[in-house]
């Protein structure tokens, strides 16, 4: 077809890139997305209850600082899970 013509080589390369990367959508319409369902998992009390248990064991052993910190954190997380669960 082409006999060493530079224009022909450039045209051939552009056709190869066009086939590799595809043609651009030139319409002004937005692509249609399928509607997806929102999945809300059930709340888990595992972490807050574990922190409250650690607070109980720490308080029993006499480590009041750790007991207060983990107990307060466990209570806050439990309240947060309960509020999220009620909605």
Protein backbone atom coordinates (compact mmCIF):
# COMPACT_ATOMS: atom_id res chain seq x y z
CA UNK A 1 0.00 0.00 0.00
CA UNK A 2 2.44 2.65 1.19
CA UNK A 3 5.98 2.62 -0.04
CA UNK A 4 8.00 4.26 2.73
CA UNK A 5 5.87 7.36 2.93
CA UNK A 6 6.14 9.14 6.32
CA UNK A 7 2.51 10.23 6.25
CA UNK A 8 1.43 6.65 5.64
CA UNK A 9 3.51 5.41 8.62
CA UNK A 10 1.98 8.01 10.93
CA UNK A 11 -1.52 7.17 9.70
CA UNK A 12 -0.87 3.46 10.24
CA UNK A 13 0.37 4.10 13.80
CA UNK A 14 -2.69 6.19 14.60
CA UNK A 15 -4.95 3.39 13.39
CA UNK A 16 -3.14 0.92 15.66
CA UNK A 17 -3.49 3.23 18.68
CA UNK A 18 -7.13 3.83 17.82
CA UNK A 19 -7.80 0.11 17.81
CA UNK A 20 -5.88 -0.45 21.05
CA UNK A 21 -7.42 2.33 23.10
CA UNK A 22 -10.78 2.58 21.38
CA UNK A 23 -12.68 5.54 20.09
CA UNK A 24 -13.78 8.24 22.49
CA UNK A 25 -17.48 8.74 23.11
CA UNK A 26 -18.20 12.11 21.52
CA UNK A 27 -21.83 12.41 22.61
CA UNK A 28 -22.74 14.76 25.43
CA UNK A 29 -24.89 12.19 27.24
CA UNK A 30 -23.71 10.87 30.56
CA UNK A 31 -23.20 7.11 30.70
CA UNK A 32 -26.07 5.25 32.32
CA UNK A 33 -25.13 3.59 35.59
CA UNK A 34 -27.13 0.73 37.02
CA UNK A 35 -28.78 1.46 40.36
CA UNK A 36 -27.11 -0.32 43.23
CA UNK A 37 -28.67 -1.28 46.50
CA UNK A 38 -27.16 0.11 49.70
CA UNK A 39 -26.16 -2.69 52.04
CA UNK A 40 -26.08 -1.86 55.75
CA UNK A 41 -24.47 -4.58 57.88
CA UNK A 42 -25.79 -5.45 61.32
CA UNK A 43 -23.85 -3.71 64.12
CA UNK A 44 -21.39 -5.75 66.10
CA UNK A 45 -20.98 -5.46 69.86
CA UNK A 46 -17.80 -7.55 69.90
CA UNK A 47 -15.27 -4.75 70.36
CA UNK A 48 -17.20 -2.66 72.92
CA UNK A 49 -18.01 -5.70 75.04
CA UNK A 50 -14.39 -6.87 74.89
CA UNK A 51 -13.21 -3.46 76.10
CA UNK A 52 -15.71 -3.54 78.96
CA UNK A 53 -14.50 -7.03 79.88
CA UNK A 54 -10.88 -5.84 79.86
CA UNK A 55 -11.94 -2.93 82.08
CA UNK A 56 -13.56 -5.35 84.51
CA UNK A 57 -10.52 -7.60 84.70
CA UNK A 58 -8.18 -4.61 85.03
CA UNK A 59 -10.31 -3.15 87.83
CA UNK A 60 -10.36 -6.49 89.61
CA UNK A 61 -6.57 -6.70 89.44
CA UNK A 62 -6.19 -3.15 90.74
CA UNK A 63 -5.11 -1.32 87.56
CA UNK A 64 -7.59 1.54 87.89
CA UNK A 65 -6.09 3.70 85.11
CA UNK A 66 -6.43 1.01 82.45
CA UNK A 67 -9.86 0.03 83.80
CA UNK A 68 -11.14 3.59 83.57
CA UNK A 69 -9.75 4.16 80.08
CA UNK A 70 -10.97 0.89 78.54
CA UNK A 71 -14.30 1.07 80.37
CA UNK A 72 -14.99 4.60 79.15
CA UNK A 73 -13.96 3.67 75.61
CA UNK A 74 -16.15 0.55 75.73
CA UNK A 75 -19.15 2.54 76.96
CA UNK A 76 -18.73 5.19 74.26
CA UNK A 77 -18.45 2.56 71.53
CA UNK A 78 -21.49 0.70 72.87
CA UNK A 79 -23.54 3.92 72.82
CA UNK A 80 -22.34 4.63 69.28
CA UNK A 81 -23.35 1.14 68.10
CA UNK A 82 -26.75 1.46 69.79
CA UNK A 83 -27.44 4.84 68.17
CA UNK A 84 -26.43 3.52 64.75
CA UNK A 85 -28.54 0.42 65.24
CA UNK A 86 -31.66 2.41 66.16
CA UNK A 87 -31.64 4.34 62.89
